[in-house]
Amino acid sequence: MLGKKISKWVNKRRLVGKTIFVRSKNIESIIACKRLFLKFEGGNPTGTQKDRIAKALAEDAVQKRYHQIAVGSCGNFGAAIALAAKDFNIEAHIYIPTEYHTRRIEEIEEKYRGTIHRVVGTYENAVEKCSEDAEKNGWYDANPGFPHTTEIALNAYGQISKEIYSALGYAPDIISVPVGNGTTLAGIFNGFFKYFQEEKIKKLPKMVAASTLRGNPIVKSFKNHYQIIKDLQPSEIKETPYNEPLVNWHAYDGQIALDAVYNSYGFAEYASDTRMIEFSRLLKREEGLNVLPASACSLAVLSSVLKKNHSNGTKSTIVAILTGRVPYNGHQRRNNHMNNTSANQK
């Protein structure tokens, strides 16, 4: 039975990863860089990079003979876990804060047959409650911040590094990544660090942590020159329909992401909702990519940083990670809402 479940996933493996990697000459002229490449993770089954880690975690759960898997989520990770659980024929329990109004709920429940648990409070509260219930009920805990999930995540997201290196044949100068918990950025850096140790590349790319103006401890810690990451006060964060995938007061893998930024001589910066929406529209207009505003944060931050230091871009090969697509269901409604967003919403 175990072999059949894993074989079923292997048969679907081609659907995860090996996402679009394309040069964007139109946008590189707008943000003033020599070469700009886009790594669009929206081609994954549920539309974000989270499918990479969900696949790996679900496989680990089945190998360890769990029948249920649980995770706290703003929506995207929950959808990815629910789909992976469905493929492996195990149950998924997804914990989402009551105040989060994600369209993923219907998708998780109806399409992927996951069970939604609503939790009063923040994303961090949902993760805490989920972990408590997982321990009590004997479920596989897929939440970030544990040694087993961090190791799996770093390896899964390290595949993005492999795909970039395979396409370019060298390490880019700069890689910009939207960060919430920081796991994706840390995994990409980890992948290139392995190549550096193996002497396949001569230098490490500078890692750019891009996140929301409304609150992220990785960016704030970097901007305050902290070597050890410091949590935000929960009252500091301001959630909006656009920054939910990024905003948090405690980044579970934030320290390894902050270390990656420092060790690569990179940087971290914020983008407002307005700027993220602007670059989401730009990507649609110039490249035909339906990218979530939070996922376009990588480009929004690059644009701001390169304007301040023009020389960083004129000689550089830069990769922007676009972590997710606009959901196909409700796409037009979301665009209409974006068009009605006031300019002072940040």
C-alpha atoms as a PDB file:
ATOM      1  CA  MET A   1       0.000   0.000   0.000  1.00  0.00           C
ATOM      2  CA  LEU A   2       2.820   2.377   0.901  1.00  0.00           C
ATOM      3  CA  GLY A   3       4.575   1.693  -2.385  1.00  0.00           C
ATOM      4  CA  LYS A   4       1.387   2.352  -4.344  1.00  0.00           C
ATOM      5  CA  LYS A   5       0.908   5.731  -2.655  1.00  0.00           C
ATOM      6  CA  ILE A   6       4.464   6.825  -3.374  1.00  0.00           C
ATOM      7  CA  SER A   7       4.264   5.532  -6.938  1.00  0.00           C
ATOM      8  CA  LYS A   8       1.106   7.578  -7.434  1.00  0.00           C
ATOM      9  CA  TRP A   9       2.972  10.699  -6.408  1.00  0.00           C
ATOM     10  CA  VAL A  10       5.982   9.833  -8.590  1.00  0.00           C
ATOM     11  CA  ASN A  11       3.595   9.592 -11.544  1.00  0.00           C
ATOM     12  CA  LYS A  12       2.490  13.176 -10.818  1.00  0.00           C
ATOM     13  CA  ARG A  13       5.980  14.418 -10.114  1.00  0.00           C
ATOM     14  CA  ARG A  14       6.382  16.146 -13.479  1.00  0.00           C
ATOM     15  CA  LEU A  15       3.637  18.546 -12.418  1.00  0.00           C
ATOM     16  CA  VAL A  16       5.739  20.033  -9.602  1.00  0.00           C
ATOM     17  CA  GLY A  17       8.787  22.192 -10.264  1.00  0.00           C
ATOM     18  CA  LYS A  18      10.589  22.868 -13.543  1.00  0.00           C
ATOM     19  CA  THR A  19       8.608  26.088 -13.691  1.00  0.00           C
ATOM     20  CA  ILE A  20       8.851  28.914 -16.220  1.00  0.00           C
ATOM     21  CA  PHE A  21      12.211  30.661 -16.370  1.00  0.00           C
ATOM     22  CA  VAL A  22      12.299  33.463 -18.894  1.00  0.00           C
ATOM     23  CA  ARG A  23      14.225  36.626 -19.644  1.00  0.00           C
ATOM     24  CA  SER A  24      12.123  39.768 -19.415  1.00  0.00           C
ATOM     25  CA  LYS A  25      13.650  42.338 -21.729  1.00  0.00           C
ATOM     26  CA  ASN A  26      10.574  44.530 -21.421  1.00  0.00           C
ATOM     27  CA  ILE A  27      10.786  44.860 -17.652  1.00  0.00           C
ATOM     28  CA  GLU A  28      14.587  44.956 -17.421  1.00  0.00           C
ATOM     29  CA  SER A  29      14.513  48.206 -19.354  1.00  0.00           C
ATOM     30  CA  ILE A  30      11.932  49.590 -16.922  1.00  0.00           C
ATOM     31  CA  ILE A  31      13.870  48.744 -13.752  1.00  0.00           C
ATOM     32  CA  ALA A  32      17.272  49.471 -15.324  1.00  0.00           C
ATOM     33  CA  CYS A  33      19.151  46.202 -15.078  1.00  0.00           C
ATOM     34  CA  LYS A  34      21.361  44.440 -17.608  1.00  0.00           C
ATOM     35  CA  ARG A  35      19.595  41.067 -17.589  1.00  0.00           C
ATOM     36  CA  LEU A  36      16.394  40.221 -15.729  1.00  0.00           C
ATOM     37  CA  PHE A  37      15.051  36.689 -15.520  1.00  0.00           C
ATOM     38  CA  LEU A  38      11.701  35.705 -14.042  1.00  0.00           C
ATOM     39  CA  LYS A  39      11.220  32.400 -12.221  1.00  0.00           C
ATOM     40  CA  PHE A  40       7.441  31.961 -12.207  1.00  0.00           C
ATOM     41  CA  GLU A  41       6.276  29.430  -9.638  1.00  0.00           C
ATOM     42  CA  GLY A  42       2.637  29.876 -10.630  1.00  0.00           C
ATOM     43  CA  GLY A  43       2.969  26.888 -12.949  1.00  0.00           C
ATOM     44  CA  ASN A  44       2.881  24.491 -10.005  1.00  0.00           C
ATOM     45  CA  PRO A  45      -0.370  22.523  -9.437  1.00  0.00           C
ATOM     46  CA  THR A  46      -1.954  24.876  -6.881  1.00  0.00           C
ATOM     47  CA  GLY A  47      -0.222  27.933  -8.287  1.00  0.00           C
ATOM     48  CA  THR A  48       2.615  28.618  -5.830  1.00  0.00           C
ATOM     49  CA  GLN A  49       6.052  27.386  -4.805  1.00  0.00           C
ATOM     50  CA  LYS A  50       4.392  25.750  -1.782  1.00  0.00           C
ATOM     51  CA  ASP A  51       3.661  22.677  -3.919  1.00  0.00           C
ATOM     52  CA  ARG A  52       7.362  21.841  -3.799  1.00  0.00           C
ATOM     53  CA  ILE A  53       7.481  21.492  -0.043  1.00  0.00           C
ATOM     54  CA  ALA A  54       3.962  20.041   0.197  1.00  0.00           C
ATOM     55  CA  LYS A  55       4.997  17.168  -2.052  1.00  0.00           C
ATOM     56  CA  ALA A  56       8.066  16.472   0.059  1.00  0.00           C
ATOM     57  CA  LEU A  57       6.200  16.683   3.367  1.00  0.00           C
ATOM     58  CA  ALA A  58       3.351  14.469   2.198  1.00  0.00           C
ATOM     59  CA  GLU A  59       5.831  11.879   0.996  1.00  0.00           C
ATOM     60  CA  ASP A  60       7.606  12.012   4.353  1.00  0.00           C
ATOM     61  CA  ALA A  61       4.281  11.593   6.176  1.00  0.00           C
ATOM     62  CA  VAL A  62       3.380   8.508   4.142  1.00  0.00           C
ATOM     63  CA  GLN A  63       6.831   6.990   4.576  1.00  0.00           C
ATOM     64  CA  LYS A  64       6.422   7.417   8.339  1.00  0.00           C
ATOM     65  CA  ARG A  65       2.960   5.798   8.079  1.00  0.00           C
ATOM     66  CA  TYR A  66       0.851   8.763   9.129  1.00  0.00           C
ATOM     67  CA  HIS A  67      -2.744   8.889   7.927  1.00  0.00           C
ATOM     68  CA  GLN A  68      -3.353  12.590   8.590  1.00  0.00           C
ATOM     69  CA  ILE A  69      -1.268  15.700   7.930  1.00  0.00           C
ATOM     70  CA  ALA A  70      -1.883  19.155   9.413  1.00  0.00           C
ATOM     71  CA  VAL A  71      -0.624  22.685   8.788  1.00  0.00           C
ATOM     72  CA  GLY A  72      -1.421  26.284   9.715  1.00  0.00           C
ATOM     73  CA  SER A  73      -1.780  28.515   6.692  1.00  0.00           C
ATOM     74  CA  CYS A  74      -2.956  31.777   5.196  1.00  0.00           C
ATOM     75  CA  GLY A  75      -4.330  29.671   2.324  1.00  0.00           C
ATOM     76  CA  ASN A  76      -1.619  28.864  -0.223  1.00  0.00           C
ATOM     77  CA  PHE A  77       0.322  26.325   1.815  1.00  0.00           C
ATOM     78  CA  GLY A  78      -2.942  24.822   2.977  1.00  0.00           C
ATOM     79  CA  ALA A  79      -4.092  24.277  -0.602  1.00  0.00           C
ATOM     80  CA  ALA A  80      -0.768  22.680  -1.523  1.00  0.00           C
ATOM     81  CA  ILE A  81      -0.841  20.337   1.477  1.00  0.00           C
ATOM     82  CA  ALA A  82      -4.478  19.416   0.825  1.00  0.00           C
ATOM     83  CA  LEU A  83      -3.725  18.484  -2.794  1.00  0.00           C
ATOM     84  CA  ALA A  84      -0.655  16.457  -1.834  1.00  0.00           C
ATOM     85  CA  ALA A  85      -2.665  14.682   0.866  1.00  0.00           C
ATOM     86  CA  LYS A  86      -5.391  13.875  -1.634  1.00  0.00           C
ATOM     87  CA  ASP A  87      -2.844  12.381  -4.028  1.00  0.00           C
ATOM     88  CA  PHE A  88      -1.496  10.179  -1.241  1.00  0.00           C
ATOM     89  CA  ASN A  89      -4.971   9.332   0.025  1.00  0.00           C
ATOM     90  CA  ILE A  90      -4.348  10.732   3.504  1.00  0.00           C
ATOM     91  CA  GLU A  91      -6.423  13.326   5.373  1.00  0.00           C
ATOM     92  CA  ALA A  92      -5.457  17.006   5.470  1.00  0.00           C
ATOM     93  CA  HIS A  93      -6.282  19.364   8.338  1.00  0.00           C
ATOM     94  CA  ILE A  94      -5.763  23.014   7.467  1.00  0.00           C
ATOM     95  CA  TYR A  95      -5.821  25.703  10.166  1.00  0.00           C
ATOM     96  CA  ILE A  96      -6.615  29.223   8.950  1.00  0.00           C
ATOM     97  CA  PRO A  97      -7.147  32.412  10.997  1.00  0.00           C
ATOM     98  CA  THR A  98     -10.794  33.494  11.116  1.00  0.00           C
ATOM     99  CA  GLU A  99      -9.958  36.975   9.864  1.00  0.00           C
ATOM    100  CA  TYR A 100      -8.269  35.697   6.702  1.00  0.00           C
ATOM    101  CA  HIS A 101     -10.622  35.803   3.727  1.00  0.00           C
ATOM    102  CA  THR A 102      -8.798  33.539   1.319  1.00  0.00           C
ATOM    103  CA  ARG A 103     -10.537  32.053  -1.714  1.00  0.00           C
ATOM    104  CA  ARG A 104      -8.533  28.909  -1.028  1.00  0.00           C
ATOM    105  CA  ILE A 105     -11.043  27.673   1.565  1.00  0.00           C
ATOM    106  CA  GLU A 106     -13.572  26.472  -0.995  1.00  0.00           C
ATOM    107  CA  GLU A 107     -10.780  24.946  -3.075  1.00  0.00           C
ATOM    108  CA  ILE A 108      -9.343  23.099  -0.065  1.00  0.00           C
ATOM    109  CA  GLU A 109     -12.691  21.744   1.087  1.00  0.00           C
ATOM    110  CA  GLU A 110     -14.449  20.943  -2.176  1.00  0.00           C
ATOM    111  CA  LYS A 111     -11.671  20.220  -4.664  1.00  0.00           C
ATOM    112  CA  TYR A 112      -9.043  18.637  -2.417  1.00  0.00           C
ATOM    113  CA  ARG A 113     -11.340  17.260   0.340  1.00  0.00           C
ATOM    114  CA  GLY A 114      -9.348  18.892   3.147  1.00  0.00           C
ATOM    115  CA  THR A 115     -10.797  19.793   6.539  1.00  0.00           C
ATOM    116  CA  ILE A 116     -10.698  23.480   7.485  1.00  0.00           C
ATOM    117  CA  HIS A 117     -10.210  24.542  11.103  1.00  0.00           C
ATOM    118  CA  ARG A 118     -10.736  28.246  11.834  1.00  0.00           C
ATOM    119  CA  VAL A 119      -8.610  29.807  14.597  1.00  0.00           C
ATOM    120  CA  VAL A 120      -9.195  33.151  16.267  1.00  0.00           C
ATOM    121  CA  GLY A 121      -6.099  35.330  16.031  1.00  0.00           C
ATOM    122  CA  THR A 122      -3.099  35.582  13.741  1.00  0.00           C
ATOM    123  CA  TYR A 123      -1.328  33.149  11.439  1.00  0.00           C
ATOM    124  CA  GLU A 124       1.030  32.344  14.292  1.00  0.00           C
ATOM    125  CA  ASN A 125      -1.955  31.432  16.480  1.00  0.00           C
ATOM    126  CA  ALA A 126      -3.199  29.080  13.753  1.00  0.00           C
ATOM    127  CA  VAL A 127       0.195  27.362  13.565  1.00  0.00           C
ATOM    128  CA  GLU A 128       0.345  26.998  17.355  1.00  0.00           C
ATOM    129  CA  LYS A 129      -3.161  25.520  17.572  1.00  0.00           C
ATOM    130  CA  CYS A 130      -2.459  23.205  14.645  1.00  0.00           C
ATOM    131  CA  SER A 131       0.716  21.861  16.235  1.00  0.00           C
ATOM    132  CA  GLU A 132      -1.091  21.264  19.535  1.00  0.00           C
ATOM    133  CA  ASP A 133      -3.855  19.311  17.802  1.00  0.00           C
ATOM    134  CA  ALA A 134      -1.382  17.366  15.665  1.00  0.00           C
ATOM    135  CA  GLU A 135       0.487  16.189  18.756  1.00  0.00           C
ATOM    136  CA  LYS A 136      -2.730  15.340  20.584  1.00  0.00           C
ATOM    137  CA  ASN A 137      -4.283  13.445  17.678  1.00  0.00           C
ATOM    138  CA  GLY A 138      -1.193  11.735  16.288  1.00  0.00           C
ATOM    139  CA  TRP A 139      -1.161  13.691  13.015  1.00  0.00           C
ATOM    140  CA  TYR A 140       1.914  14.562  10.949  1.00  0.00           C
ATOM    141  CA  ASP A 141       2.866  18.146  11.818  1.00  0.00           C
ATOM    142  CA  ALA A 142       3.832  19.931   8.595  1.00  0.00           C
ATOM    143  CA  ASN A 143       4.245  23.347  10.210  1.00  0.00           C
ATOM    144  CA  PRO A 144       7.457  25.349   9.753  1.00  0.00           C
ATOM    145  CA  GLY A 145      10.030  25.816  12.458  1.00  0.00           C
ATOM    146  CA  PHE A 146      10.657  22.166  13.353  1.00  0.00           C
ATOM    147  CA  PRO A 147      13.971  20.492  12.472  1.00  0.00           C
ATOM    148  CA  HIS A 148      12.355  17.872  10.237  1.00  0.00           C
ATOM    149  CA  THR A 149      10.222  20.354   8.291  1.00  0.00           C
ATOM    150  CA  THR A 150      13.054  22.860   7.922  1.00  0.00           C
ATOM    151  CA  GLU A 151      15.412  20.250   6.466  1.00  0.00           C
ATOM    152  CA  ILE A 152      12.753  19.017   4.043  1.00  0.00           C
ATOM    153  CA  ALA A 153      11.872  22.580   3.040  1.00  0.00           C
ATOM    154  CA  LEU A 154      15.465  23.631   2.400  1.00  0.00           C
ATOM    155  CA  ASN A 155      15.985  20.633   0.132  1.00  0.00           C
ATOM    156  CA  ALA A 156      12.679  21.166  -1.681  1.00  0.00           C
ATOM    157  CA  TYR A 157      13.253  24.864  -2.332  1.00  0.00           C
ATOM    158  CA  GLY A 158      16.868  24.134  -3.183  1.00  0.00           C
ATOM    159  CA  GLN A 159      15.507  22.608  -6.382  1.00  0.00           C
ATOM    160  CA  ILE A 160      14.728  26.158  -7.527  1.00  0.00           C
ATOM    161  CA  SER A 161      18.475  26.860  -7.384  1.00  0.00           C
ATOM    162  CA  LYS A 162      19.134  23.763  -9.465  1.00  0.00           C
ATOM    163  CA  GLU A 163      16.631  24.871 -12.116  1.00  0.00           C
ATOM    164  CA  ILE A 164      18.089  28.385 -12.280  1.00  0.00           C
ATOM    165  CA  TYR A 165      21.646  27.061 -12.547  1.00  0.00           C
ATOM    166  CA  SER A 166      20.644  24.539 -15.214  1.00  0.00           C
ATOM    167  CA  ALA A 167      19.033  27.301 -17.286  1.00  0.00           C
ATOM    168  CA  LEU A 168      21.828  29.864 -16.948  1.00  0.00           C
ATOM    169  CA  GLY A 169      24.900  27.698 -16.516  1.00  0.00           C
ATOM    170  CA  TYR A 170      26.162  30.078 -13.829  1.00  0.00           C
ATOM    171  CA  ALA A 171      24.979  31.811 -10.648  1.00  0.00           C
ATOM    172  CA  PRO A 172      23.138  35.105 -11.139  1.00  0.00           C
ATOM    173  CA  ASP A 173      24.414  38.210  -9.373  1.00  0.00           C
ATOM    174  CA  ILE A 174      21.197  38.885  -7.461  1.00  0.00           C
ATOM    175  CA  ILE A 175      18.128  36.823  -6.584  1.00  0.00           C
ATOM    176  CA  SER A 176      15.091  38.607  -5.161  1.00  0.00           C
ATOM    177  CA  VAL A 177      12.590  36.499  -3.201  1.00  0.00           C
ATOM    178  CA  PRO A 178       9.305  37.411  -1.472  1.00  0.00           C
ATOM    179  CA  VAL A 179       9.613  36.451   2.190  1.00  0.00           C
ATOM    180  CA  GLY A 180       7.097  35.569   4.877  1.00  0.00           C
ATOM    181  CA  ASN A 181       8.658  32.885   7.044  1.00  0.00           C
ATOM    182  CA  GLY A 182      11.818  33.092   4.944  1.00  0.00           C
ATOM    183  CA  THR A 183      11.945  29.403   4.035  1.00  0.00           C
ATOM    184  CA  THR A 184      11.960  29.844   0.253  1.00  0.00           C
ATOM    185  CA  LEU A 185      14.831  32.335   0.308  1.00  0.00           C
ATOM    186  CA  ALA A 186      16.832  30.158   2.701  1.00  0.00           C
ATOM    187  CA  GLY A 187      16.301  27.099   0.516  1.00  0.00           C
ATOM    188  CA  ILE A 188      17.406  28.869  -2.658  1.00  0.00           C
ATOM    189  CA  PHE A 189      20.517  30.193  -0.925  1.00  0.00           C
ATOM    190  CA  ASN A 190      21.222  26.744   0.495  1.00  0.00           C
ATOM    191  CA  GLY A 191      21.072  25.255  -3.005  1.00  0.00           C
ATOM    192  CA  PHE A 192      23.573  27.742  -4.409  1.00  0.00           C
ATOM    193  CA  PHE A 193      25.797  27.389  -1.343  1.00  0.00           C
ATOM    194  CA  LYS A 194      26.097  23.656  -2.104  1.00  0.00           C
ATOM    195  CA  TYR A 195      27.121  24.495  -5.670  1.00  0.00           C
ATOM    196  CA  PHE A 196      29.698  26.918  -4.267  1.00  0.00           C
ATOM    197  CA  GLN A 197      31.111  24.247  -1.963  1.00  0.00           C
ATOM    198  CA  GLU A 198      31.287  21.838  -4.904  1.00  0.00           C
ATOM    199  CA  GLU A 199      33.136  24.569  -6.882  1.00  0.00           C
ATOM    200  CA  LYS A 200      30.489  24.565  -9.605  1.00  0.00           C
ATOM    201  CA  ILE A 201      30.101  28.327  -9.147  1.00  0.00           C
ATOM    202  CA  LYS A 202      32.720  30.940  -8.239  1.00  0.00           C
ATOM    203  CA  LYS A 203      30.468  33.281  -6.281  1.00  0.00           C
ATOM    204  CA  LEU A 204      27.204  33.279  -4.362  1.00  0.00           C
ATOM    205  CA  PRO A 205      24.277  35.338  -5.593  1.00  0.00           C
ATOM    206  CA  LYS A 206      23.261  38.233  -3.386  1.00  0.00           C
ATOM    207  CA  MET A 207      19.960  37.295  -1.771  1.00  0.00           C
ATOM    208  CA  VAL A 208      17.287  39.975  -1.545  1.00  0.00           C
ATOM    209  CA  ALA A 209      14.505  39.544   1.027  1.00  0.00           C
ATOM    210  CA  ALA A 210      11.429  41.370  -0.243  1.00  0.00           C
ATOM    211  CA  SER A 211       8.383  41.768   1.951  1.00  0.00           C
ATOM    212  CA  THR A 212       5.449  43.880   2.999  1.00  0.00           C
ATOM    213  CA  LEU A 213       5.594  47.328   4.495  1.00  0.00           C
ATOM    214  CA  ARG A 214       2.927  46.132   6.902  1.00  0.00           C
ATOM    215  CA  GLY A 215       5.256  43.895   8.849  1.00  0.00           C
ATOM    216  CA  ASN A 216       7.954  41.269   8.473  1.00  0.00           C
ATOM    217  CA  PRO A 217      10.641  40.563  11.080  1.00  0.00           C
ATOM    218  CA  ILE A 218      13.294  39.469   8.573  1.00  0.00           C
ATOM    219  CA  VAL A 219      13.301  42.794   6.767  1.00  0.00           C
ATOM    220  CA  LYS A 220      13.003  44.862   9.922  1.00  0.00           C
ATOM    221  CA  SER A 221      15.850  42.971  11.614  1.00  0.00           C
ATOM    222  CA  PHE A 222      18.108  43.532   8.592  1.00  0.00           C
ATOM    223  CA  LYS A 223      17.267  47.215   8.330  1.00  0.00           C
ATOM    224  CA  ASN A 224      18.035  47.612  12.040  1.00  0.00           C
ATOM    225  CA  HIS A 225      21.356  45.747  11.565  1.00  0.00           C
ATOM    226  CA  TYR A 226      20.387  42.933  13.933  1.00  0.00           C
ATOM    227  CA  GLN A 227      22.385  39.722  13.590  1.00  0.00           C
ATOM    228  CA  ILE A 228      19.781  37.824  15.600  1.00  0.00           C
ATOM    229  CA  ILE A 229      16.254  38.131  14.294  1.00  0.00           C
ATOM    230  CA  LYS A 230      13.746  39.882  16.536  1.00  0.00           C
ATOM    231  CA  ASP A 231      10.019  39.253  16.467  1.00  0.00           C
ATOM    232  CA  LEU A 232       7.642  42.105  15.834  1.00  0.00           C
ATOM    233  CA  GLN A 233       4.926  43.040  18.245  1.00  0.00           C
ATOM    234  CA  PRO A 234       1.652  41.507  16.993  1.00  0.00           C
ATOM    235  CA  SER A 235       0.163  45.019  17.089  1.00  0.00           C
ATOM    236  CA  GLU A 236       2.720  46.149  14.486  1.00  0.00           C
ATOM    237  CA  ILE A 237       1.391  44.007  11.673  1.00  0.00           C
ATOM    238  CA  LYS A 238      -1.409  45.164   9.416  1.00  0.00           C
ATOM    239  CA  GLU A 239      -2.995  42.501   7.238  1.00  0.00           C
ATOM    240  CA  THR A 240      -4.584  43.400   3.908  1.00  0.00           C
ATOM    241  CA  PRO A 241      -6.000  41.299   1.048  1.00  0.00           C
ATOM    242  CA  TYR A 242      -2.655  41.743  -0.726  1.00  0.00           C
ATOM    243  CA  ASN A 243      -0.009  41.180   1.925  1.00  0.00           C
ATOM    244  CA  GLU A 244      -1.481  38.151   3.742  1.00  0.00           C
ATOM    245  CA  PRO A 245       1.058  35.686   2.231  1.00  0.00           C
ATOM    246  CA  LEU A 246       3.921  37.837   3.563  1.00  0.00           C
ATOM    247  CA  VAL A 247       2.844  39.433   6.830  1.00  0.00           C
ATOM    248  CA  ASN A 248       3.754  37.903  10.177  1.00  0.00           C
ATOM    249  CA  TRP A 249       5.218  38.935  13.497  1.00  0.00           C
ATOM    250  CA  HIS A 250       7.267  35.735  13.924  1.00  0.00           C
ATOM    251  CA  ALA A 251       9.127  34.264  10.932  1.00  0.00           C
ATOM    252  CA  TYR A 252       9.582  30.556  11.691  1.00  0.00           C
ATOM    253  CA  ASP A 253      12.634  30.176   9.470  1.00  0.00           C
ATOM    254  CA  GLY A 254      13.556  33.829   9.762  1.00  0.00           C
ATOM    255  CA  GLN A 255      17.002  33.348  11.302  1.00  0.00           C
ATOM    256  CA  ILE A 256      18.301  31.133   8.505  1.00  0.00           C
ATOM    257  CA  ALA A 257      16.837  33.567   5.954  1.00  0.00           C
ATOM    258  CA  LEU A 258      18.479  36.528   7.692  1.00  0.00           C
ATOM    259  CA  ASP A 259      21.768  34.614   7.817  1.00  0.00           C
ATOM    260  CA  ALA A 260      21.454  33.938   4.071  1.00  0.00           C
ATOM    261  CA  VAL A 261      21.028  37.644   3.361  1.00  0.00           C
ATOM    262  CA  TYR A 262      24.090  38.551   5.428  1.00  0.00           C
ATOM    263  CA  ASN A 263      26.262  35.671   4.192  1.00  0.00           C
ATOM    264  CA  SER A 264      25.534  36.548   0.569  1.00  0.00           C
ATOM    265  CA  TYR A 265      26.107  40.286   1.116  1.00  0.00           C
ATOM    266  CA  GLY A 266      22.514  40.821   0.078  1.00  0.00           C
ATOM    267  CA  PHE A 267      19.857  43.156   1.396  1.00  0.00           C
ATOM    268  CA  ALA A 268      16.243  43.363   2.500  1.00  0.00           C
ATOM    269  CA  GLU A 269      13.563  45.912   1.764  1.00  0.00           C
ATOM    270  CA  TYR A 270       9.847  46.586   2.021  1.00  0.00           C
ATOM    271  CA  ALA A 271       7.240  47.233  -0.676  1.00  0.00           C
ATOM    272  CA  SER A 272       3.862  48.836  -0.126  1.00  0.00           C
ATOM    273  CA  ASP A 273       0.618  47.257  -1.302  1.00  0.00           C
ATOM    274  CA  THR A 274       0.409  49.942  -3.960  1.00  0.00           C
ATOM    275  CA  ARG A 275       3.801  49.009  -5.399  1.00  0.00           C
ATOM    276  CA  MET A 276       3.061  45.283  -5.293  1.00  0.00           C
ATOM    277  CA  ILE A 277      -0.202  45.850  -7.165  1.00  0.00           C
ATOM    278  CA  GLU A 278       1.625  48.071  -9.678  1.00  0.00           C
ATOM    279  CA  PHE A 279       4.150  45.346 -10.495  1.00  0.00           C
ATOM    280  CA  SER A 280       1.486  42.650 -10.585  1.00  0.00           C
ATOM    281  CA  ARG A 281      -0.212  44.669 -13.317  1.00  0.00           C
ATOM    282  CA  LEU A 282       3.118  45.314 -15.057  1.00  0.00           C
ATOM    283  CA  LEU A 283       3.821  41.588 -15.241  1.00  0.00           C
ATOM    284  CA  LYS A 284       0.384  40.987 -16.733  1.00  0.00           C
ATOM    285  CA  ARG A 285       0.807  43.747 -19.300  1.00  0.00           C
ATOM    286  CA  GLU A 286       4.424  43.128 -20.322  1.00  0.00           C
ATOM    287  CA  GLU A 287       4.774  39.345 -19.907  1.00  0.00           C
ATOM    288  CA  GLY A 288       1.232  37.972 -19.748  1.00  0.00           C
ATOM    289  CA  LEU A 289       1.805  36.516 -16.264  1.00  0.00           C
ATOM    290  CA  ASN A 290      -1.040  36.598 -13.736  1.00  0.00           C
ATOM    291  CA  VAL A 291       1.033  37.118 -10.609  1.00  0.00           C
ATOM    292  CA  LEU A 292      -0.298  37.740  -7.116  1.00  0.00           C
ATOM    293  CA  PRO A 293       0.647  41.200  -5.789  1.00  0.00           C
ATOM    294  CA  ALA A 294       2.518  39.609  -2.862  1.00  0.00           C
ATOM    295  CA  SER A 295       4.462  37.464  -5.331  1.00  0.00           C
ATOM    296  CA  ALA A 296       5.366  40.552  -7.373  1.00  0.00           C
ATOM    297  CA  CYS A 297       6.986  41.997  -4.253  1.00  0.00           C
ATOM    298  CA  SER A 298      10.354  40.695  -5.476  1.00  0.00           C
ATOM    299  CA  LEU A 299      10.210  42.974  -8.515  1.00  0.00           C
ATOM    300  CA  ALA A 300       8.784  45.943  -6.628  1.00  0.00           C
ATOM    301  CA  VAL A 301      11.686  45.865  -4.186  1.00  0.00           C
ATOM    302  CA  LEU A 302      14.257  45.398  -6.969  1.00  0.00           C
ATOM    303  CA  SER A 303      12.930  48.446  -8.762  1.00  0.00           C
ATOM    304  CA  SER A 304      13.249  50.604  -5.649  1.00  0.00           C
ATOM    305  CA  VAL A 305      16.736  49.383  -4.757  1.00  0.00           C
ATOM    306  CA  LEU A 306      18.124  49.701  -8.287  1.00  0.00           C
ATOM    307  CA  LYS A 307      16.849  53.255  -8.545  1.00  0.00           C
ATOM    308  CA  LYS A 308      18.801  54.140  -5.400  1.00  0.00           C
ATOM    309  CA  ASN A 309      21.964  52.427  -6.636  1.00  0.00           C
ATOM    310  CA  HIS A 310      21.817  52.322 -10.413  1.00  0.00           C
ATOM    311  CA  SER A 311      25.208  50.613 -10.770  1.00  0.00           C
ATOM    312  CA  ASN A 312      23.875  47.463  -9.050  1.00  0.00           C
ATOM    313  CA  GLY A 313      21.676  46.707 -12.034  1.00  0.00           C
ATOM    314  CA  THR A 314      23.578  47.912 -15.084  1.00  0.00           C
ATOM    315  CA  LYS A 315      26.173  45.138 -14.845  1.00  0.00           C
ATOM    316  CA  SER A 316      24.087  42.452 -13.182  1.00  0.00           C
ATOM    317  CA  THR A 317      22.189  39.320 -14.054  1.00  0.00           C
ATOM    318  CA  ILE A 318      19.165  39.358 -11.755  1.00  0.00           C
ATOM    319  CA  VAL A 319      16.508  36.738 -11.039  1.00  0.00           C
ATOM    320  CA  ALA A 320      13.145  37.667  -9.538  1.00  0.00           C
ATOM    321  CA  ILE A 321      11.239  34.788  -7.954  1.00  0.00           C
ATOM    322  CA  LEU A 322       7.499  35.146  -8.581  1.00  0.00           C
ATOM    323  CA  THR A 323       6.022  32.810  -6.014  1.00  0.00           C
ATOM    324  CA  GLY A 324       2.388  32.533  -7.094  1.00  0.00           C
ATOM    325  CA  ARG A 325      -0.286  33.186  -9.686  1.00  0.00           C
ATOM    326  CA  VAL A 326      -3.649  34.868  -9.363  1.00  0.00           C
ATOM    327  CA  PRO A 327      -6.208  32.068  -8.806  1.00  0.00           C
ATOM    328  CA  TYR A 328      -8.163  31.257 -11.927  1.00  0.00           C
ATOM    329  CA  ASN A 329     -11.442  31.252 -10.029  1.00  0.00           C
ATOM    330  CA  GLY A 330     -12.460  34.762  -9.142  1.00  0.00           C
ATOM    331  CA  HIS A 331      -9.636  36.213 -11.237  1.00  0.00           C
ATOM    332  CA  GLN A 332     -11.713  38.970 -12.793  1.00  0.00           C
ATOM    333  CA  ARG A 333     -13.310  39.867  -9.481  1.00  0.00           C
ATOM    334  CA  ARG A 334      -9.899  40.259  -7.846  1.00  0.00           C
ATOM    335  CA  ASN A 335      -8.675  42.461 -10.700  1.00  0.00           C
ATOM    336  CA  ASN A 336     -11.722  44.670 -10.366  1.00  0.00           C
ATOM    337  CA  HIS A 337     -11.062  45.003  -6.652  1.00  0.00           C
ATOM    338  CA  MET A 338      -7.442  45.882  -7.355  1.00  0.00           C
ATOM    339  CA  ASN A 339      -8.559  48.575  -9.770  1.00  0.00           C
ATOM    340  CA  ASN A 340     -10.680  50.128  -7.045  1.00  0.00           C
ATOM    341  CA  THR A 341      -7.883  50.108  -4.472  1.00  0.00           C
ATOM    342  CA  SER A 342      -7.042  53.606  -3.302  1.00  0.00           C
ATOM    343  CA  ALA A 343      -3.511  54.819  -3.820  1.00  0.00           C
ATOM    344  CA  ASN A 344      -2.944  55.345  -0.095  1.00  0.00           C
ATOM    345  CA  GLN A 345      -3.569  51.703   0.829  1.00  0.00           C
ATOM    346  CA  LYS A 346      -0.170  50.336   1.901  1.00  0.00           C
END
